[in-house]
N, C-alpha and C. Protein backbone atom coordinates (compact mmCIF):
# COMPACT_ATOMS: atom_id res chain seq x y z
N MET A 1 86.77 -21.17 -40.83
CA MET A 1 85.49 -20.84 -41.30
C MET A 1 84.35 -20.92 -40.19
N SER A 2 83.70 -19.87 -39.58
CA SER A 2 82.28 -20.02 -38.80
C SER A 2 81.45 -21.32 -39.16
N ALA A 3 81.18 -21.96 -38.25
CA ALA A 3 79.71 -22.99 -38.50
C ALA A 3 78.49 -22.01 -38.46
N VAL A 4 78.66 -21.01 -37.67
CA VAL A 4 77.23 -20.29 -37.76
C VAL A 4 77.39 -18.90 -38.97
N SER A 5 76.23 -18.73 -39.55
CA SER A 5 75.93 -17.93 -40.63
C SER A 5 76.11 -16.43 -39.80
N PRO A 6 76.38 -15.52 -40.89
CA PRO A 6 76.28 -14.19 -40.40
C PRO A 6 74.94 -13.78 -39.73
N ALA A 7 74.11 -14.16 -40.44
CA ALA A 7 72.85 -13.83 -39.95
C ALA A 7 72.38 -14.34 -38.43
N ASP A 8 72.79 -15.43 -38.32
CA ASP A 8 72.82 -16.28 -37.27
C ASP A 8 73.38 -15.24 -36.07
N ASP A 9 74.68 -14.95 -36.56
CA ASP A 9 75.84 -14.10 -35.47
C ASP A 9 75.16 -12.77 -35.19
N LEU A 10 74.30 -12.16 -36.17
CA LEU A 10 73.78 -10.65 -35.88
C LEU A 10 72.55 -11.06 -34.80
N LYS A 11 71.94 -12.13 -35.38
CA LYS A 11 70.52 -12.41 -34.55
C LYS A 11 70.96 -12.45 -32.86
N GLN A 12 72.21 -13.31 -32.47
CA GLN A 12 72.42 -13.34 -31.38
C GLN A 12 72.80 -11.97 -30.74
N LEU A 13 73.73 -11.24 -31.49
CA LEU A 13 73.88 -9.79 -30.99
C LEU A 13 72.80 -9.31 -30.60
N VAL A 14 71.76 -8.81 -31.28
CA VAL A 14 70.42 -8.26 -31.04
C VAL A 14 69.83 -9.03 -29.79
N GLU A 15 69.52 -10.34 -29.75
CA GLU A 15 69.15 -11.14 -28.81
C GLU A 15 69.99 -10.85 -27.23
N PHE A 16 71.19 -10.54 -27.26
CA PHE A 16 71.82 -10.36 -26.31
C PHE A 16 71.73 -8.70 -25.90
N MET A 17 71.46 -7.57 -26.50
CA MET A 17 71.19 -6.41 -26.48
C MET A 17 70.04 -6.09 -25.86
N ALA A 18 69.07 -6.97 -26.48
CA ALA A 18 67.49 -6.72 -26.31
C ALA A 18 67.14 -7.37 -24.79
N SER A 19 67.79 -8.48 -24.30
CA SER A 19 66.99 -9.19 -23.49
C SER A 19 68.27 -8.67 -22.21
N ASN A 20 69.25 -7.89 -22.42
CA ASN A 20 69.93 -6.98 -21.18
C ASN A 20 68.94 -5.82 -21.24
N LEU A 21 68.18 -5.12 -22.10
CA LEU A 21 67.43 -3.92 -21.95
C LEU A 21 66.28 -4.32 -21.25
N ILE A 22 65.38 -5.59 -21.50
CA ILE A 22 64.28 -6.15 -20.88
C ILE A 22 64.40 -6.77 -19.75
N GLY A 23 65.67 -7.32 -19.48
CA GLY A 23 65.96 -8.20 -18.59
C GLY A 23 65.29 -9.46 -18.64
N SER A 24 64.63 -9.99 -19.91
CA SER A 24 64.37 -11.33 -20.09
C SER A 24 64.58 -11.60 -21.52
N SER A 25 65.04 -12.77 -21.90
CA SER A 25 64.80 -13.10 -23.45
C SER A 25 63.70 -13.88 -23.69
N ASP A 26 62.90 -14.37 -22.86
CA ASP A 26 61.68 -14.99 -22.67
C ASP A 26 60.25 -14.41 -23.80
N GLN A 27 60.52 -12.95 -23.59
CA GLN A 27 59.49 -12.53 -23.85
C GLN A 27 59.95 -11.68 -25.42
N ILE A 28 61.16 -12.13 -26.01
CA ILE A 28 61.75 -11.31 -27.24
C ILE A 28 61.35 -12.70 -28.30
N GLU A 29 60.70 -12.22 -29.57
CA GLU A 29 60.57 -12.88 -30.65
C GLU A 29 61.60 -11.93 -31.87
N LEU A 30 62.66 -12.95 -32.41
CA LEU A 30 63.35 -12.66 -33.30
C LEU A 30 63.67 -13.59 -34.29
N THR A 31 63.47 -12.67 -35.40
CA THR A 31 64.08 -13.56 -36.92
C THR A 31 65.36 -12.65 -37.45
N ALA A 32 65.74 -13.67 -38.51
CA ALA A 32 67.15 -13.02 -39.17
C ALA A 32 66.90 -13.58 -40.61
N GLU A 33 66.99 -12.77 -41.34
CA GLU A 33 66.78 -13.43 -42.84
C GLU A 33 67.97 -13.02 -43.73
N GLN A 34 68.49 -14.05 -44.42
CA GLN A 34 69.88 -13.55 -45.27
C GLN A 34 69.56 -13.43 -46.61
N ARG A 35 69.28 -12.53 -47.39
CA ARG A 35 69.23 -12.60 -48.80
C ARG A 35 70.36 -11.84 -49.44
N ALA A 36 71.26 -12.62 -50.17
CA ALA A 36 72.40 -12.16 -50.91
C ALA A 36 73.12 -11.20 -49.78
N ALA A 37 73.49 -10.00 -50.02
CA ALA A 37 74.35 -9.30 -49.21
C ALA A 37 73.63 -8.48 -48.10
N MET A 38 72.37 -8.96 -48.02
CA MET A 38 71.29 -8.03 -47.08
C MET A 38 70.92 -8.94 -45.71
N VAL A 39 70.98 -8.12 -44.59
CA VAL A 39 70.36 -9.21 -43.33
C VAL A 39 69.31 -8.22 -42.88
N GLN A 40 68.20 -8.93 -42.92
CA GLN A 40 66.70 -8.24 -42.36
C GLN A 40 66.59 -9.13 -40.97
N ILE A 41 66.89 -8.01 -39.98
CA ILE A 41 66.54 -8.53 -38.48
C ILE A 41 65.19 -8.01 -37.72
N ASN A 42 64.41 -8.90 -37.71
CA ASN A 42 63.10 -8.17 -37.20
C ASN A 42 63.04 -8.50 -35.31
N LEU A 43 62.61 -7.87 -34.80
CA LEU A 43 62.88 -7.71 -33.30
C LEU A 43 61.27 -7.53 -32.65
N ARG A 44 60.79 -8.44 -31.93
CA ARG A 44 59.49 -8.06 -31.30
C ARG A 44 59.47 -7.92 -29.63
N VAL A 45 59.10 -7.06 -29.22
CA VAL A 45 59.00 -7.28 -27.84
C VAL A 45 57.86 -6.89 -27.35
N PRO A 46 57.43 -6.81 -25.91
CA PRO A 46 56.25 -6.50 -25.80
C PRO A 46 55.82 -5.22 -25.70
N GLU A 47 54.48 -4.91 -25.46
CA GLU A 47 54.32 -3.24 -25.93
C GLU A 47 54.74 -2.87 -24.70
N THR A 48 54.83 -3.19 -23.35
CA THR A 48 54.98 -2.67 -22.00
C THR A 48 56.58 -2.40 -22.33
N ASP A 49 57.32 -2.97 -22.61
CA ASP A 49 58.62 -3.00 -22.94
C ASP A 49 59.16 -2.11 -24.11
N MET A 50 58.60 -1.59 -24.94
CA MET A 50 58.91 -0.90 -26.02
C MET A 50 59.67 0.69 -25.78
N GLY A 51 59.24 1.14 -24.72
CA GLY A 51 59.84 2.16 -24.20
C GLY A 51 61.65 1.94 -23.63
N LYS A 52 61.84 0.72 -23.16
CA LYS A 52 63.20 0.45 -23.01
C LYS A 52 64.11 0.19 -24.20
N VAL A 53 63.44 -0.28 -25.07
CA VAL A 53 64.26 -0.60 -26.48
C VAL A 53 64.38 0.18 -27.34
N ILE A 54 63.26 1.62 -27.36
CA ILE A 54 63.52 2.50 -28.18
C ILE A 54 64.35 3.73 -27.53
N GLY A 55 63.89 3.78 -26.21
CA GLY A 55 64.68 5.19 -25.55
C GLY A 55 64.35 6.24 -25.78
N LYS A 56 64.93 6.90 -24.85
CA LYS A 56 64.36 8.53 -25.28
C LYS A 56 64.75 8.90 -26.32
N GLU A 57 63.73 9.57 -27.24
CA GLU A 57 63.84 10.25 -28.65
C GLU A 57 64.58 9.15 -29.66
N GLY A 58 64.45 7.73 -29.12
CA GLY A 58 64.79 6.87 -30.26
C GLY A 58 66.36 6.56 -30.17
N ARG A 59 67.00 7.03 -29.11
CA ARG A 59 68.53 6.72 -28.83
C ARG A 59 68.98 5.49 -28.60
N ILE A 60 68.33 4.54 -28.12
CA ILE A 60 68.69 3.57 -27.67
C ILE A 60 68.34 2.59 -29.15
N ALA A 61 67.33 2.62 -29.84
CA ALA A 61 67.03 1.82 -31.09
C ALA A 61 67.95 2.46 -32.02
N ARG A 62 68.53 3.97 -32.24
CA ARG A 62 69.44 4.19 -33.36
C ARG A 62 70.84 3.51 -32.90
N ALA A 63 71.16 3.39 -31.76
CA ALA A 63 72.33 2.79 -31.30
C ALA A 63 72.44 1.50 -31.45
N MET A 64 71.67 0.60 -30.99
CA MET A 64 71.74 -0.64 -31.57
C MET A 64 71.44 -0.77 -33.29
N ARG A 65 70.66 -0.16 -33.88
CA ARG A 65 70.92 0.20 -35.31
C ARG A 65 72.65 0.23 -35.81
N THR A 66 73.21 0.96 -35.26
CA THR A 66 74.52 1.36 -35.68
C THR A 66 75.42 -0.11 -35.20
N ILE A 67 75.48 -0.41 -34.13
CA ILE A 67 76.05 -1.52 -33.62
C ILE A 67 75.85 -2.74 -34.66
N VAL A 68 74.45 -3.21 -35.02
CA VAL A 68 74.40 -3.80 -35.93
C VAL A 68 74.96 -3.66 -37.43
N THR A 69 74.67 -2.36 -37.42
CA THR A 69 75.49 -1.95 -38.93
C THR A 69 77.10 -2.40 -39.24
N ILE A 70 77.49 -2.03 -37.71
CA ILE A 70 79.12 -1.74 -38.21
C ILE A 70 79.30 -3.61 -37.68
N ALA A 71 78.58 -4.58 -37.16
CA ALA A 71 78.89 -6.11 -37.19
C ALA A 71 78.44 -6.43 -38.18
N SER A 72 77.85 -6.01 -39.20
CA SER A 72 77.13 -6.59 -40.45
C SER A 72 78.55 -6.35 -41.29
N ALA A 73 79.14 -5.36 -41.10
CA ALA A 73 80.20 -4.84 -41.97
C ALA A 73 81.17 -5.69 -42.06
N ARG A 74 81.51 -6.38 -40.89
CA ARG A 74 82.78 -7.16 -40.82
C ARG A 74 82.45 -8.54 -41.75
N TYR A 75 81.39 -8.97 -42.22
CA TYR A 75 80.90 -9.91 -43.04
C TYR A 75 80.47 -9.08 -44.32
N ASN A 76 80.99 -7.86 -44.44
CA ASN A 76 80.83 -7.61 -45.69
C ASN A 76 79.15 -7.50 -46.38
N LEU A 77 78.46 -7.32 -45.39
CA LEU A 77 77.01 -7.17 -45.52
C LEU A 77 76.36 -6.16 -45.31
N HIS A 78 75.13 -5.79 -45.43
CA HIS A 78 74.48 -4.71 -45.08
C HIS A 78 73.09 -5.47 -43.82
N ALA A 79 73.06 -4.81 -43.12
CA ALA A 79 72.02 -5.24 -41.85
C ALA A 79 70.90 -4.24 -41.61
N ARG A 80 69.83 -4.52 -41.57
CA ARG A 80 68.52 -3.95 -41.44
C ARG A 80 67.67 -4.51 -40.21
N LEU A 81 67.70 -3.30 -39.12
CA LEU A 81 66.98 -3.87 -37.82
C LEU A 81 65.38 -3.37 -37.85
N GLU A 82 64.46 -3.94 -37.73
CA GLU A 82 63.27 -3.43 -37.60
C GLU A 82 62.67 -3.99 -35.98
N ILE A 83 62.09 -2.89 -35.56
CA ILE A 83 61.68 -2.87 -33.93
C ILE A 83 60.24 -2.93 -34.06
N ASP A 84 59.23 -4.03 -33.50
CA ASP A 84 57.86 -3.59 -33.49
C ASP A 84 57.82 -4.40 -31.74
N GLY A 85 56.56 -3.82 -31.53
CA GLY A 85 55.71 -4.01 -30.20
C GLY A 85 54.67 -4.90 -30.41
């Protein structure tokens, strides 16, 4: 059994993706909260970097949400990713 909780694993995954898009993890605020079979992940990035995270027509944000959904399914959980600027 892993010492890291599923919420922490998913949080690290989102941090990895966002920091690679933005170029720095210093500007990222990230919280992950698990309630029963649901994990709520909130990603906050600077307003100037929102375009990098959202992508053209929301494609990058949609891809990030898909990856988080697939990763959470490994833990038999449902995850929700909110992105704010």
